[in-house]
Amino acid sequence: AEVLKARREKEKQRIKSLAGLKKRIRTLDSL
């Protein structure tokens, strides 16, 4: 349970961190 709790929390943080990257990268070349 503690492993899943920690992983789910990390996944939420990682999703939030993607917002700026998605705005900045709009093409396959830039990715």
All heavy atoms as atom14 arrays in JSON, in Angstrom:
{
  "sequence": "AEVLKARREKEKQRIKSLAGLKKRIRTLDSL",
  "atom14_mask": [
    [1, 1, 1, 1, 1, 0, 0, 0, 0, 0, 0, 0, 0, 0],
    [1, 1, 1, 1, 1, 1, 1, 1, 1, 0, 0, 0, 0, 0],
    [1, 1, 1, 1, 1, 1, 1, 0, 0, 0, 0, 0, 0, 0],
    [1, 1, 1, 1, 1, 1, 1, 1, 0, 0, 0, 0, 0, 0],
    [1, 1, 1, 1, 1, 1, 1, 1, 1, 0, 0, 0, 0, 0],
    [1, 1, 1, 1, 1, 0, 0, 0, 0, 0, 0, 0, 0, 0],
    [1, 1, 1, 1, 1, 1, 1, 1, 1, 1, 1, 0, 0, 0],
    [1, 1, 1, 1, 1, 1, 1, 1, 1, 1, 1, 0, 0, 0],
    [1, 1, 1, 1, 1, 1, 1, 1, 1, 0, 0, 0, 0, 0],
    [1, 1, 1, 1, 1, 1, 1, 1, 1, 0, 0, 0, 0, 0],
    [1, 1, 1, 1, 1, 1, 1, 1, 1, 0, 0, 0, 0, 0],
    [1, 1, 1, 1, 1, 1, 1, 1, 1, 0, 0, 0, 0, 0],
    [1, 1, 1, 1, 1, 1, 1, 1, 1, 0, 0, 0, 0, 0],
    [1, 1, 1, 1, 1, 1, 1, 1, 1, 1, 1, 0, 0, 0],
    [1, 1, 1, 1, 1, 1, 1, 1, 0, 0, 0, 0, 0, 0],
    [1, 1, 1, 1, 1, 1, 1, 1, 1, 0, 0, 0, 0, 0],
    [1, 1, 1, 1, 1, 1, 0, 0, 0, 0, 0, 0, 0, 0],
    [1, 1, 1, 1, 1, 1, 1, 1, 0, 0, 0, 0, 0, 0],
    [1, 1, 1, 1, 1, 0, 0, 0, 0, 0, 0, 0, 0, 0],
    [1, 1, 1, 1, 0, 0, 0, 0, 0, 0, 0, 0, 0, 0],
    [1, 1, 1, 1, 1, 1, 1, 1, 0, 0, 0, 0, 0, 0],
    [1, 1, 1, 1, 1, 1, 1, 1, 1, 0, 0, 0, 0, 0],
    [1, 1, 1, 1, 1, 1, 1, 1, 1, 0, 0, 0, 0, 0],
    [1, 1, 1, 1, 1, 1, 1, 1, 1, 1, 1, 0, 0, 0],
    [1, 1, 1, 1, 1, 1, 1, 1, 0, 0, 0, 0, 0, 0],
    [1, 1, 1, 1, 1, 1, 1, 1, 1, 1, 1, 0, 0, 0],
    [1, 1, 1, 1, 1, 1, 1, 0, 0, 0, 0, 0, 0, 0],
    [1, 1, 1, 1, 1, 1, 1, 1, 0, 0, 0, 0, 0, 0],
    [1, 1, 1, 1, 1, 1, 1, 1, 0, 0, 0, 0, 0, 0],
    [1, 1, 1, 1, 1, 1, 0, 0, 0, 0, 0, 0, 0, 0],
    [1, 1, 1, 1, 1, 1, 1, 1, 0, 0, 0, 0, 0, 0]
  ],
  "atom14_positions": [
    [[0.82, -1.21, 0.0], [0.0, 0.0, 0.0], [0.86, 1.26, 0.0], [0.56, 2.23, -0.72], [-0.94, -0.01, 1.21], [0.0, 0.0, 0.0], [0.0, 0.0, 0.0], [0.0, 0.0, 0.0], [0.0, 0.0, 0.0], [0.0, 0.0, 0.0], [0.0, 0.0, 0.0], [0.0, 0.0, 0.0], [0.0, 0.0, 0.0], [0.0, 0.0, 0.0]],
    [[1.94, 1.27, 0.8], [2.77, 2.47, 0.87], [3.52, 2.72, -0.43], [3.79, 3.87, -0.8], [3.75, 2.4, 2.04], [4.74, 1.25, 1.98], [4.27, 0.02, 2.72], [3.04, -0.19, 2.82], [5.13, -0.74, 3.23], [0.0, 0.0, 0.0], [0.0, 0.0, 0.0], [0.0, 0.0, 0.0], [0.0, 0.0, 0.0], [0.0, 0.0, 0.0]],
    [[3.83, 1.65, -1.15], [4.5, 1.79, -2.44], [3.54, 2.42, -3.46], [3.91, 3.36, -4.17], [5.0, 0.43, -2.95], [5.5, 0.53, -4.39], [6.11, -0.09, -2.03], [0.0, 0.0, 0.0], [0.0, 0.0, 0.0], [0.0, 0.0, 0.0], [0.0, 0.0, 0.0], [0.0, 0.0, 0.0], [0.0, 0.0, 0.0], [0.0, 0.0, 0.0]],
    [[2.33, 1.92, -3.52], [1.34, 2.47, -4.46], [0.99, 3.91, -4.11], [0.84, 4.75, -5.01], [0.08, 1.62, -4.46], [0.06, 0.42, -5.39], [-1.27, -0.31, -5.28], [0.3, 0.85, -6.83], [0.0, 0.0, 0.0], [0.0, 0.0, 0.0], [0.0, 0.0, 0.0], [0.0, 0.0, 0.0], [0.0, 0.0, 0.0], [0.0, 0.0, 0.0]],
    [[0.88, 4.21, -2.83], [0.58, 5.58, -2.42], [1.67, 6.53, -2.89], [1.39, 7.61, -3.44], [0.41, 5.66, -0.9], [0.08, 7.05, -0.4], [-0.09, 7.05, 1.12], [-0.4, 8.46, 1.63], [-0.55, 8.48, 3.12], [0.0, 0.0, 0.0], [0.0, 0.0, 0.0], [0.0, 0.0, 0.0], [0.0, 0.0, 0.0], [0.0, 0.0, 0.0]],
    [[2.92, 6.14, -2.68], [4.05, 6.98, -3.09], [4.1, 7.13, -4.6], [4.36, 8.23, -5.12], [5.35, 6.39, -2.57], [0.0, 0.0, 0.0], [0.0, 0.0, 0.0], [0.0, 0.0, 0.0], [0.0, 0.0, 0.0], [0.0, 0.0, 0.0], [0.0, 0.0, 0.0], [0.0, 0.0, 0.0], [0.0, 0.0, 0.0], [0.0, 0.0, 0.0]],
    [[3.84, 6.05, -5.33], [3.88, 6.12, -6.79], [2.76, 6.99, -7.34], [2.97, 7.78, -8.27], [3.82, 4.71, -7.37], [3.87, 4.66, -8.9], [5.18, 5.23, -9.46], [5.15, 5.27, -10.92], [5.63, 4.3, -11.7], [6.19, 3.22, -11.16], [5.57, 4.41, -13.01], [0.0, 0.0, 0.0], [0.0, 0.0, 0.0], [0.0, 0.0, 0.0]],
    [[1.56, 6.86, -6.8], [0.44, 7.67, -7.28], [0.71, 9.16, -7.05], [0.39, 10.0, -7.9], [-0.85, 7.26, -6.59], [-1.35, 5.87, -6.99], [-2.69, 5.56, -6.33], [-3.06, 4.17, -6.46], [-3.61, 3.62, -7.53], [-3.86, 4.37, -8.59], [-3.93, 2.33, -7.56], [0.0, 0.0, 0.0], [0.0, 0.0, 0.0], [0.0, 0.0, 0.0]],
    [[1.3, 9.49, -5.91], [1.63, 10.89, -5.63], [2.68, 11.39, -6.6], [2.58, 12.53, -7.11], [2.12, 11.02, -4.19], [2.44, 12.45, -3.78], [1.28, 13.4, -3.95], [0.13, 13.0, -3.7], [1.52, 14.58, -4.34], [0.0, 0.0, 0.0], [0.0, 0.0, 0.0], [0.0, 0.0, 0.0], [0.0, 0.0, 0.0], [0.0, 0.0, 0.0]],
    [[3.68, 10.58, -6.88], [4.71, 10.99, -7.84], [4.11, 11.18, -9.22], [4.46, 12.12, -9.95], [5.83, 9.96, -7.89], [6.95, 10.37, -8.83], [8.12, 9.41, -8.81], [9.21, 9.88, -9.75], [10.37, 8.97, -9.75], [0.0, 0.0, 0.0], [0.0, 0.0, 0.0], [0.0, 0.0, 0.0], [0.0, 0.0, 0.0], [0.0, 0.0, 0.0]],
    [[3.2, 10.3, -9.62], [2.56, 10.42, -10.93], [1.79, 11.73, -11.05], [1.83, 12.4, -12.09], [1.63, 9.23, -11.18], [2.34, 7.91, -11.37], [3.14, 7.86, -12.67], [2.67, 8.4, -13.68], [4.24, 7.27, -12.66], [0.0, 0.0, 0.0], [0.0, 0.0, 0.0], [0.0, 0.0, 0.0], [0.0, 0.0, 0.0], [0.0, 0.0, 0.0]],
    [[1.1, 12.14, -9.99], [0.37, 13.41, -10.01], [1.34, 14.58, -10.21], [1.06, 15.5, -10.98], [-0.41, 13.58, -8.72], [-1.59, 12.65, -8.54], [-2.28, 12.88, -7.21], [-3.42, 11.9, -7.0], [-4.06, 12.09, -5.67], [0.0, 0.0, 0.0], [0.0, 0.0, 0.0], [0.0, 0.0, 0.0], [0.0, 0.0, 0.0], [0.0, 0.0, 0.0]],
    [[2.46, 14.55, -9.51], [3.45, 15.62, -9.65], [4.03, 15.67, -11.05], [4.23, 16.74, -11.62], [4.55, 15.42, -8.61], [4.1, 15.54, -7.18], [5.17, 15.13, -6.19], [6.31, 14.8, -6.56], [4.84, 15.15, -4.9], [0.0, 0.0, 0.0], [0.0, 0.0, 0.0], [0.0, 0.0, 0.0], [0.0, 0.0, 0.0], [0.0, 0.0, 0.0]],
    [[4.29, 14.48, -11.62], [4.87, 14.42, -12.96], [3.9, 14.95, -14.01], [4.3, 15.58, -14.99], [5.29, 12.99, -13.29], [6.37, 12.42, -12.39], [7.7, 13.12, -12.59], [8.22, 12.92, -13.92], [8.92, 11.85, -14.31], [9.15, 10.86, -13.44], [9.38, 11.75, -15.53], [0.0, 0.0, 0.0], [0.0, 0.0, 0.0], [0.0, 0.0, 0.0]],
    [[2.62, 14.68, -13.84], [1.61, 15.19, -14.78], [1.6, 16.72, -14.75], [1.56, 17.38, -15.8], [0.22, 14.62, -14.46], [0.17, 13.13, -14.83], [-0.87, 15.38, -15.23], [-1.1, 12.43, -14.4], [0.0, 0.0, 0.0], [0.0, 0.0, 0.0], [0.0, 0.0, 0.0], [0.0, 0.0, 0.0], [0.0, 0.0, 0.0], [0.0, 0.0, 0.0]],
    [[1.64, 17.31, -13.55], [1.66, 18.77, -13.43], [2.89, 19.36, -14.1], [2.81, 20.42, -14.72], [1.62, 19.17, -11.95], [0.3, 18.89, -11.26], [0.36, 19.31, -9.8], [-0.95, 19.03, -9.08], [-0.89, 19.38, -7.64], [0.0, 0.0, 0.0], [0.0, 0.0, 0.0], [0.0, 0.0, 0.0], [0.0, 0.0, 0.0], [0.0, 0.0, 0.0]],
    [[4.01, 18.67, -14.0], [5.25, 19.2, -14.56], [5.26, 19.19, -16.08], [6.12, 19.82, -16.71], [6.45, 18.39, -14.04], [6.49, 17.1, -14.61], [0.0, 0.0, 0.0], [0.0, 0.0, 0.0], [0.0, 0.0, 0.0], [0.0, 0.0, 0.0], [0.0, 0.0, 0.0], [0.0, 0.0, 0.0], [0.0, 0.0, 0.0], [0.0, 0.0, 0.0]],
    [[4.33, 18.48, -16.7], [4.29, 18.39, -18.15], [3.67, 19.62, -18.82], [3.85, 19.83, -20.02], [3.5, 17.15, -18.58], [4.16, 15.8, -18.35], [3.13, 14.68, -18.53], [5.32, 15.6, -19.31], [0.0, 0.0, 0.0], [0.0, 0.0, 0.0], [0.0, 0.0, 0.0], [0.0, 0.0, 0.0], [0.0, 0.0, 0.0], [0.0, 0.0, 0.0]],
    [[2.93, 20.42, -18.07], [2.17, 21.52, -18.66], [3.04, 22.46, -19.48], [2.74, 22.79, -20.63], [1.42, 22.28, -17.58], [0.0, 0.0, 0.0], [0.0, 0.0, 0.0], [0.0, 0.0, 0.0], [0.0, 0.0, 0.0], [0.0, 0.0, 0.0], [0.0, 0.0, 0.0], [0.0, 0.0, 0.0], [0.0, 0.0, 0.0], [0.0, 0.0, 0.0]],
    [[4.15, 22.9, -18.9], [5.02, 23.83, -19.61], [5.68, 23.21, -20.82], [5.82, 23.86, -21.87], [0.0, 0.0, 0.0], [0.0, 0.0, 0.0], [0.0, 0.0, 0.0], [0.0, 0.0, 0.0], [0.0, 0.0, 0.0], [0.0, 0.0, 0.0], [0.0, 0.0, 0.0], [0.0, 0.0, 0.0], [0.0, 0.0, 0.0], [0.0, 0.0, 0.0]],
    [[6.05, 21.97, -20.7], [6.7, 21.27, -21.82], [5.74, 21.13, -22.99], [6.12, 21.31, -24.15], [7.18, 19.9, -21.35], [8.17, 19.17, -22.26], [9.46, 19.95, -22.4], [8.44, 17.77, -21.7], [0.0, 0.0, 0.0], [0.0, 0.0, 0.0], [0.0, 0.0, 0.0], [0.0, 0.0, 0.0], [0.0, 0.0, 0.0], [0.0, 0.0, 0.0]],
    [[4.5, 20.8, -22.71], [3.51, 20.64, -23.77], [3.25, 21.97, -24.5], [3.06, 21.98, -25.72], [2.2, 20.11, -23.2], [2.27, 18.65, -22.76], [1.04, 18.25, -21.98], [-0.23, 18.44, -22.78], [-1.42, 18.13, -21.99], [0.0, 0.0, 0.0], [0.0, 0.0, 0.0], [0.0, 0.0, 0.0], [0.0, 0.0, 0.0], [0.0, 0.0, 0.0]],
    [[3.27, 23.07, -23.78], [3.08, 24.38, -24.41], [4.27, 24.75, -25.29], [4.12, 25.37, -26.34], [2.86, 25.45, -23.34], [1.52, 25.36, -22.64], [1.38, 26.48, -21.61], [0.03, 26.42, -20.9], [-0.1, 27.49, -19.88], [0.0, 0.0, 0.0], [0.0, 0.0, 0.0], [0.0, 0.0, 0.0], [0.0, 0.0, 0.0], [0.0, 0.0, 0.0]],
    [[5.45, 24.37, -24.84], [6.68, 24.74, -25.55], [6.93, 23.88, -26.78], [7.46, 24.36, -27.79], [7.87, 24.63, -24.58], [9.22, 24.94, -25.2], [10.24, 25.28, -24.13], [10.55, 24.17, -23.25], [11.6, 23.36, -23.4], [12.42, 23.53, -24.42], [11.84, 22.39, -22.54], [0.0, 0.0, 0.0], [0.0, 0.0, 0.0], [0.0, 0.0, 0.0]],
    [[6.56, 22.62, -26.73], [6.88, 21.68, -27.8], [5.62, 21.35, -28.58], [4.71, 20.69, -28.05], [7.53, 20.41, -27.22], [8.88, 20.78, -26.59], [7.71, 19.34, -28.3], [9.6, 19.64, -25.93], [0.0, 0.0, 0.0], [0.0, 0.0, 0.0], [0.0, 0.0, 0.0], [0.0, 0.0, 0.0], [0.0, 0.0, 0.0], [0.0, 0.0, 0.0]],
    [[5.58, 21.78, -29.83], [4.38, 21.62, -30.65], [4.62, 20.78, -31.9], [3.68, 20.52, -32.65], [3.85, 23.0, -31.08], [3.55, 23.95, -29.93], [2.39, 23.49, -29.1], [2.06, 24.4, -28.02], [1.2, 25.41, -28.12], [0.59, 25.64, -29.28], [0.95, 26.19, -27.08], [0.0, 0.0, 0.0], [0.0, 0.0, 0.0], [0.0, 0.0, 0.0]],
    [[5.88, 20.37, -32.16], [6.19, 19.59, -33.35], [7.06, 18.4, -32.99], [7.74, 18.4, -31.96], [6.93, 20.43, -34.41], [8.24, 20.76, -33.91], [6.17, 21.7, -34.75], [0.0, 0.0, 0.0], [0.0, 0.0, 0.0], [0.0, 0.0, 0.0], [0.0, 0.0, 0.0], [0.0, 0.0, 0.0], [0.0, 0.0, 0.0], [0.0, 0.0, 0.0]],
    [[7.06, 17.4, -33.86], [7.88, 16.22, -33.63], [9.36, 16.58, -33.66], [10.17, 16.04, -32.89], [7.56, 15.18, -34.7], [7.78, 13.7, -34.34], [7.01, 13.31, -33.09], [7.38, 12.82, -35.52], [0.0, 0.0, 0.0], [0.0, 0.0, 0.0], [0.0, 0.0, 0.0], [0.0, 0.0, 0.0], [0.0, 0.0, 0.0], [0.0, 0.0, 0.0]],
    [[9.72, 17.51, -34.52], [11.11, 17.96, -34.6], [11.57, 18.59, -33.29], [12.68, 18.32, -32.8], [11.27, 18.95, -35.75], [12.64, 19.61, -35.75], [13.62, 18.93, -36.07], [12.72, 20.8, -35.39], [0.0, 0.0, 0.0], [0.0, 0.0, 0.0], [0.0, 0.0, 0.0], [0.0, 0.0, 0.0], [0.0, 0.0, 0.0], [0.0, 0.0, 0.0]],
    [[10.73, 19.44, -32.69], [11.12, 20.1, -31.45], [11.18, 19.09, -30.29], [12.0, 19.24, -29.38], [10.17, 21.25, -31.12], [8.84, 20.8, -30.98], [0.0, 0.0, 0.0], [0.0, 0.0, 0.0], [0.0, 0.0, 0.0], [0.0, 0.0, 0.0], [0.0, 0.0, 0.0], [0.0, 0.0, 0.0], [0.0, 0.0, 0.0], [0.0, 0.0, 0.0]],
    [[10.34, 18.07, -30.33], [10.44, 17.03, -29.31], [11.73, 16.23, -29.46], [12.4, 15.91, -28.48], [9.23, 16.1, -29.37], [9.22, 14.96, -28.33], [9.33, 15.5, -26.91], [7.98, 14.1, -28.49], [0.0, 0.0, 0.0], [0.0, 0.0, 0.0], [0.0, 0.0, 0.0], [0.0, 0.0, 0.0], [0.0, 0.0, 0.0], [0.0, 0.0, 0.0]]
  ]
}
